[in-house]
């Protein structure tokens, strides 16, 4: 079974990536977590605690919007709290906190003209908008954003240590991940990352195939069925390339080395698959 963990921001921009992932992979597990915060309200004229608010890292409408992929068993979501004693909490939570704190100016860049002002980047705005219903004029959810990236970085490292493949297109998360890898390289700690943080197959599809924006999820599944033989051969070729170039698919690989591998190795096996997918009416 071809499977992967998707540790990215679930915003409308993720739809095309999830379509391509659904085309190739048999199982996509969405990395989710939650922030629990106390809620207070006026009760009988007094300000009282009324419960705990569960703020998820996926939009409230996500499961309904992707119902077809859930029903087909292609999509799944990580479940928090399955382990009472989380070994990763003690292993590197302190370092994750230090890295997220040190990268605050990357997540919230300084404003070029306003003293002490910060920029709300498109990525952070979309996270707040689609996870929390944020609108301009409301308070910036800095604590939520801090927890969002800290938990996602923890999941990234946890999954890679466990030998799973986990990818993300989040600029902020990938920056935090790179900072953690630099630290690990300097200290020799946390070096056992057996999984991969990139997908050669996904990058090939994203780079070379038509924009899937006009394809519905029904059409993606139809395409997946019609091209099952081509997908199987493509997968076999990808596996051979990955085994042969294992050392170039690690977390420490530079972008230039990965791109060189990508262009030198992937073009040939992609040609026949691309020719077949272009025959599908909705893909042109």
Protein backbone atom coordinates (compact mmCIF):
# COMPACT_ATOMS: atom_id res chain seq x y z
CA UNK A 1 0.00 0.00 0.00
CA UNK A 2 1.30 3.46 -0.91
CA UNK A 3 0.72 5.73 2.07
CA UNK A 4 1.92 9.09 3.35
CA UNK A 5 1.32 11.62 6.13
CA UNK A 6 0.29 15.13 5.07
CA UNK A 7 1.44 17.67 7.66
CA UNK A 8 0.45 20.85 5.86
CA UNK A 9 -2.02 23.72 6.26
CA UNK A 10 -5.54 22.57 5.38
CA UNK A 11 -6.70 25.63 3.47
CA UNK A 12 -8.28 25.87 -0.02
CA UNK A 13 -4.75 25.94 -1.44
CA UNK A 14 -4.27 22.37 -0.18
CA UNK A 15 -7.07 20.95 -2.34
CA UNK A 16 -4.93 20.52 -5.47
CA UNK A 17 -2.16 18.84 -3.48
CA UNK A 18 -4.63 16.44 -1.89
CA UNK A 19 -6.04 15.60 -5.32
CA UNK A 20 -2.58 14.65 -6.63
CA UNK A 21 -1.81 12.73 -3.45
CA UNK A 22 -5.13 10.89 -3.75
CA UNK A 23 -4.29 10.00 -7.34
CA UNK A 24 -1.03 8.30 -6.36
CA UNK A 25 -1.36 7.21 -2.74
CA UNK A 26 -3.75 4.61 -1.35
CA UNK A 27 -3.79 6.20 2.11
CA UNK A 28 -3.23 9.82 3.15
CA UNK A 29 -3.22 10.55 6.86
CA UNK A 30 -3.84 14.19 7.74
CA UNK A 31 -1.73 15.33 10.68
CA UNK A 32 -4.04 16.97 13.19
CA UNK A 33 -3.71 18.09 16.79
CA UNK A 34 -5.58 20.46 19.05
CA UNK A 35 -5.14 23.33 21.47
CA UNK A 36 -7.32 23.23 24.55
CA UNK A 37 -8.08 26.59 26.15
CA UNK A 38 -10.45 27.59 28.99
CA UNK A 39 -13.67 29.45 28.15
CA UNK A 40 -15.19 32.11 30.40
CA UNK A 41 -18.51 33.91 30.25
CA UNK A 42 -20.89 36.01 32.31
CA UNK A 43 -23.07 33.71 34.45
CA UNK A 44 -25.56 35.30 36.86
CA UNK A 45 -23.63 38.54 36.67
CA UNK A 46 -20.29 36.87 37.40
CA UNK A 47 -17.37 36.03 35.09
CA UNK A 48 -17.08 32.23 35.40
CA UNK A 49 -15.28 29.31 33.82
CA UNK A 50 -17.76 27.46 31.56
CA UNK A 51 -15.62 24.74 29.96
CA UNK A 52 -12.74 24.00 27.64
CA UNK A 53 -12.55 25.06 24.00
CA UNK A 54 -11.07 22.48 21.65
CA UNK A 55 -9.28 24.29 18.79
CA UNK A 56 -8.39 21.79 16.06
CA UNK A 57 -5.63 22.10 13.48
CA UNK A 58 -8.05 21.32 10.64
CA UNK A 59 -11.04 23.41 9.50
CA UNK A 60 -14.43 22.56 11.06
CA UNK A 61 -15.78 21.78 7.57
CA UNK A 62 -12.86 19.58 6.47
CA UNK A 63 -14.41 16.15 6.99
CA UNK A 64 -17.61 17.12 5.21
CA UNK A 65 -15.78 18.76 2.29
CA UNK A 66 -13.60 15.69 1.76
CA UNK A 67 -16.31 13.16 2.64
CA UNK A 68 -15.84 11.17 -0.57
CA UNK A 69 -12.15 10.52 0.15
CA UNK A 70 -12.97 9.58 3.76
CA UNK A 71 -15.72 7.23 2.60
CA UNK A 72 -13.31 5.59 0.14
CA UNK A 73 -10.78 5.06 2.92
CA UNK A 74 -8.16 7.24 1.22
CA UNK A 75 -8.16 9.95 3.88
CA UNK A 76 -7.61 9.48 7.60
CA UNK A 77 -6.73 11.82 10.48
CA UNK A 78 -4.20 11.33 13.27
CA UNK A 79 -5.72 10.91 16.70
CA UNK A 80 -4.20 12.65 19.67
CA UNK A 81 -3.98 11.07 23.09
CA UNK A 82 -3.64 7.45 22.03
CA UNK A 83 -0.59 7.17 24.30
CA UNK A 84 -0.96 8.16 27.95
CA UNK A 85 2.78 8.67 28.29
CA UNK A 86 4.05 10.33 25.14
CA UNK A 87 7.79 9.51 24.81
CA UNK A 88 8.31 12.42 22.40
CA UNK A 89 7.14 14.92 25.01
CA UNK A 90 10.29 14.43 27.05
CA UNK A 91 12.52 13.65 24.07
CA UNK A 92 12.50 17.01 22.33
CA UNK A 93 9.62 19.25 23.45
CA UNK A 94 12.01 21.68 25.15
CA UNK A 95 14.09 22.05 21.99
CA UNK A 96 10.98 22.50 19.86
CA UNK A 97 9.86 25.32 22.16
CA UNK A 98 13.27 26.97 21.85
CA UNK A 99 13.25 26.73 18.06
CA UNK A 100 9.69 28.04 17.66
CA UNK A 101 10.52 30.96 19.99
CA UNK A 102 13.75 31.74 18.13
CA UNK A 103 11.91 31.75 14.78
CA UNK A 104 9.15 34.12 15.89
CA UNK A 105 10.45 36.83 13.56
CA UNK A 106 10.27 34.38 10.66
CA UNK A 107 6.65 33.43 11.39
CA UNK A 108 5.71 37.07 12.14
CA UNK A 109 8.19 39.18 10.11
CA UNK A 110 8.98 42.76 11.14
CA UNK A 111 6.99 45.41 9.34
CA UNK A 112 9.31 47.45 7.04
CA UNK A 113 7.91 50.87 8.01
CA UNK A 114 6.00 50.58 11.29
CA UNK A 115 8.20 50.52 14.43
CA UNK A 116 7.54 47.34 16.44
CA UNK A 117 4.99 46.35 13.81
CA UNK A 118 4.66 42.80 12.50
CA UNK A 119 3.47 41.38 9.17
CA UNK A 120 0.71 38.82 9.06
CA UNK A 121 1.86 36.64 6.16
CA UNK A 122 -0.59 34.97 3.81
CA UNK A 123 0.19 31.58 5.34
CA UNK A 124 -0.50 32.67 8.92
CA UNK A 125 -3.61 34.59 7.84
CA UNK A 126 -5.00 31.50 6.09
CA UNK A 127 -4.28 29.29 9.09
CA UNK A 128 -6.18 31.66 11.39
CA UNK A 129 -8.97 32.20 8.86
CA UNK A 130 -9.72 28.59 7.99
CA UNK A 131 -9.02 26.99 11.37
CA UNK A 132 -10.45 29.72 13.62
CA UNK A 133 -12.70 31.87 11.44
CA UNK A 134 -10.35 34.85 11.87
CA UNK A 135 -11.37 38.18 10.37
CA UNK A 136 -9.44 41.43 10.20
CA UNK A 137 -10.08 43.50 13.28
CA UNK A 138 -10.08 40.52 15.63
CA UNK A 139 -7.13 39.90 17.97
CA UNK A 140 -4.26 38.01 16.36
CA UNK A 141 -4.19 34.42 17.63
CA UNK A 142 -0.47 34.34 18.41
CA UNK A 143 -0.74 31.63 21.08
CA UNK A 144 -2.69 29.39 18.74
CA UNK A 145 -0.14 29.94 15.95
CA UNK A 146 2.72 29.11 18.35
CA UNK A 147 1.01 25.86 19.39
CA UNK A 148 0.03 25.09 15.81
CA UNK A 149 3.62 25.06 14.54
CA UNK A 150 5.10 23.53 17.70
CA UNK A 151 2.72 20.57 17.60
CA UNK A 152 3.14 20.14 13.84
CA UNK A 153 6.93 20.15 14.19
CA UNK A 154 6.66 17.55 16.94
CA UNK A 155 4.49 15.36 14.70
CA UNK A 156 6.97 15.79 11.84
CA UNK A 157 9.87 14.53 13.95
CA UNK A 158 7.83 11.79 15.63
CA UNK A 159 6.70 10.33 12.30
CA UNK A 160 10.14 10.50 10.70
CA UNK A 161 11.76 8.80 13.70
CA UNK A 162 9.15 6.06 13.41
CA UNK A 163 10.14 5.59 9.75
CA UNK A 164 7.02 7.14 8.23
CA UNK A 165 7.00 9.43 5.19
CA UNK A 166 5.63 12.87 6.03
CA UNK A 167 5.47 15.92 3.75
CA UNK A 168 4.44 19.53 4.09
CA UNK A 169 4.19 22.56 1.80
CA UNK A 170 4.03 24.96 4.75
CA UNK A 171 6.91 27.45 4.45
CA UNK A 172 6.91 28.12 8.18
CA UNK A 173 6.86 24.48 9.22
CA UNK A 174 9.56 23.51 6.73
CA UNK A 175 11.72 26.38 8.03
CA UNK A 176 11.27 25.18 11.62
CA UNK A 177 12.03 21.62 10.55
CA UNK A 178 15.23 22.77 8.81
CA UNK A 179 16.30 24.64 11.96
CA UNK A 180 15.75 21.51 14.04
CA UNK A 181 17.78 19.42 11.57
CA UNK A 182 20.63 21.97 11.77
CA UNK A 183 20.58 21.66 15.54
CA UNK A 184 20.52 17.86 15.33
CA UNK A 185 23.48 17.92 12.94
CA UNK A 186 25.53 20.14 15.26
CA UNK A 187 24.84 18.12 18.38
CA UNK A 188 24.53 14.62 17.00
CA UNK A 189 21.16 14.27 18.74
CA UNK A 190 17.89 13.07 17.23
CA UNK A 191 19.76 11.70 14.22
CA UNK A 192 17.58 8.63 13.75
CA UNK A 193 15.08 10.01 11.23
CA UNK A 194 14.22 6.86 9.31
CA UNK A 195 11.33 8.33 7.34
CA UNK A 196 11.40 10.82 4.48
CA UNK A 197 10.24 14.43 4.42
CA UNK A 198 9.80 14.53 0.64
CA UNK A 199 7.94 12.47 -1.94
CA UNK A 200 9.65 12.03 -5.28
CA UNK A 201 6.41 10.71 -6.80
CA UNK A 202 4.32 13.61 -5.52
CA UNK A 203 6.88 16.19 -6.65
CA UNK A 204 6.96 14.58 -10.10
CA UNK A 205 3.18 14.68 -10.43
CA UNK A 206 2.95 18.23 -9.14
CA UNK A 207 5.73 19.40 -11.46
CA UNK A 208 4.63 17.73 -14.67
CA UNK A 209 0.91 17.00 -14.73
CA UNK A 210 -1.92 19.39 -15.59
CA UNK A 211 -3.34 21.54 -12.84
CA UNK A 212 -5.95 19.35 -11.11
CA UNK A 213 -8.05 22.37 -10.12
CA UNK A 214 -10.75 21.55 -12.68
CA UNK A 215 -10.98 17.89 -11.61
CA UNK A 216 -13.52 16.91 -8.98
CA UNK A 217 -12.71 14.26 -6.40
CA UNK A 218 -15.04 11.91 -8.29
CA UNK A 219 -12.96 12.45 -11.42
CA UNK A 220 -9.73 11.95 -9.49
CA UNK A 221 -10.99 8.57 -8.28
CA UNK A 222 -12.14 7.67 -11.79
CA UNK A 223 -8.73 8.63 -13.12
CA UNK A 224 -7.05 6.59 -10.38
CA UNK A 225 -9.06 3.52 -11.42
CA UNK A 226 -8.50 3.94 -15.17
CA UNK A 227 -4.75 4.44 -14.73
CA UNK A 228 -4.18 1.76 -12.10
CA UNK A 229 -1.76 -0.17 -14.32
CA UNK A 230 0.19 2.96 -15.25
CA UNK A 231 0.25 4.05 -11.60
CA UNK A 232 1.57 0.65 -10.55
CA UNK A 233 4.40 0.78 -13.10
CA UNK A 234 5.14 4.39 -12.21
CA UNK A 235 5.28 3.44 -8.53
CA UNK A 236 7.69 0.57 -9.23
CA UNK A 237 9.99 2.91 -11.15
CA UNK A 238 9.83 5.51 -8.38
CA UNK A 239 10.75 2.85 -5.81
CA UNK A 240 13.81 1.83 -7.82
CA UNK A 241 14.94 5.46 -8.07
CA UNK A 242 14.40 6.03 -4.33
CA UNK A 243 16.35 2.90 -3.35
CA UNK A 244 19.21 3.80 -5.67
CA UNK A 245 19.37 7.36 -4.36
CA UNK A 246 18.47 6.77 -0.72
CA UNK A 247 21.26 9.02 0.52
CA UNK A 248 19.86 11.94 -1.52
CA UNK A 249 16.37 11.69 -0.04
CA UNK A 250 17.25 12.34 3.58
CA UNK A 251 16.28 15.34 5.67
CA UNK A 252 19.77 16.81 5.20
CA UNK A 253 19.64 16.84 1.40
CA UNK A 254 20.21 20.26 -0.11
CA UNK A 255 17.68 21.63 -2.54
CA UNK A 256 20.21 21.61 -5.39
CA UNK A 257 21.03 17.92 -4.95
CA UNK A 258 17.37 17.00 -4.77
CA UNK A 259 16.55 19.02 -7.89
CA UNK A 260 19.43 17.42 -9.78
CA UNK A 261 18.13 13.98 -8.87
CA UNK A 262 14.59 14.99 -9.73
CA UNK A 263 15.40 16.22 -13.23
CA UNK A 264 17.93 13.54 -14.11
CA UNK A 265 15.95 10.52 -12.87
CA UNK A 266 12.26 11.32 -13.01
CA UNK A 267 11.69 12.63 -16.54
CA UNK A 268 11.82 9.28 -18.35
CA UNK A 269 9.40 7.25 -16.18
CA UNK A 270 6.99 10.18 -16.07
CA UNK A 271 6.62 10.50 -19.84
CA UNK A 272 4.39 7.47 -20.45
CA UNK A 273 2.29 8.20 -17.38
CA UNK A 274 1.85 11.81 -18.43
CA UNK A 275 0.82 10.74 -21.95
CA UNK A 276 -1.90 8.51 -20.52
CA UNK A 277 -3.25 11.05 -18.07
CA UNK A 278 -3.56 13.64 -20.84
CA UNK A 279 -5.93 11.27 -22.67
CA UNK A 280 -8.41 11.62 -19.80
CA UNK A 281 -10.93 14.29 -20.99
CA UNK A 282 -11.17 16.35 -17.79
CA UNK A 283 -7.39 16.54 -17.38
CA UNK A 284 -6.75 18.61 -20.48
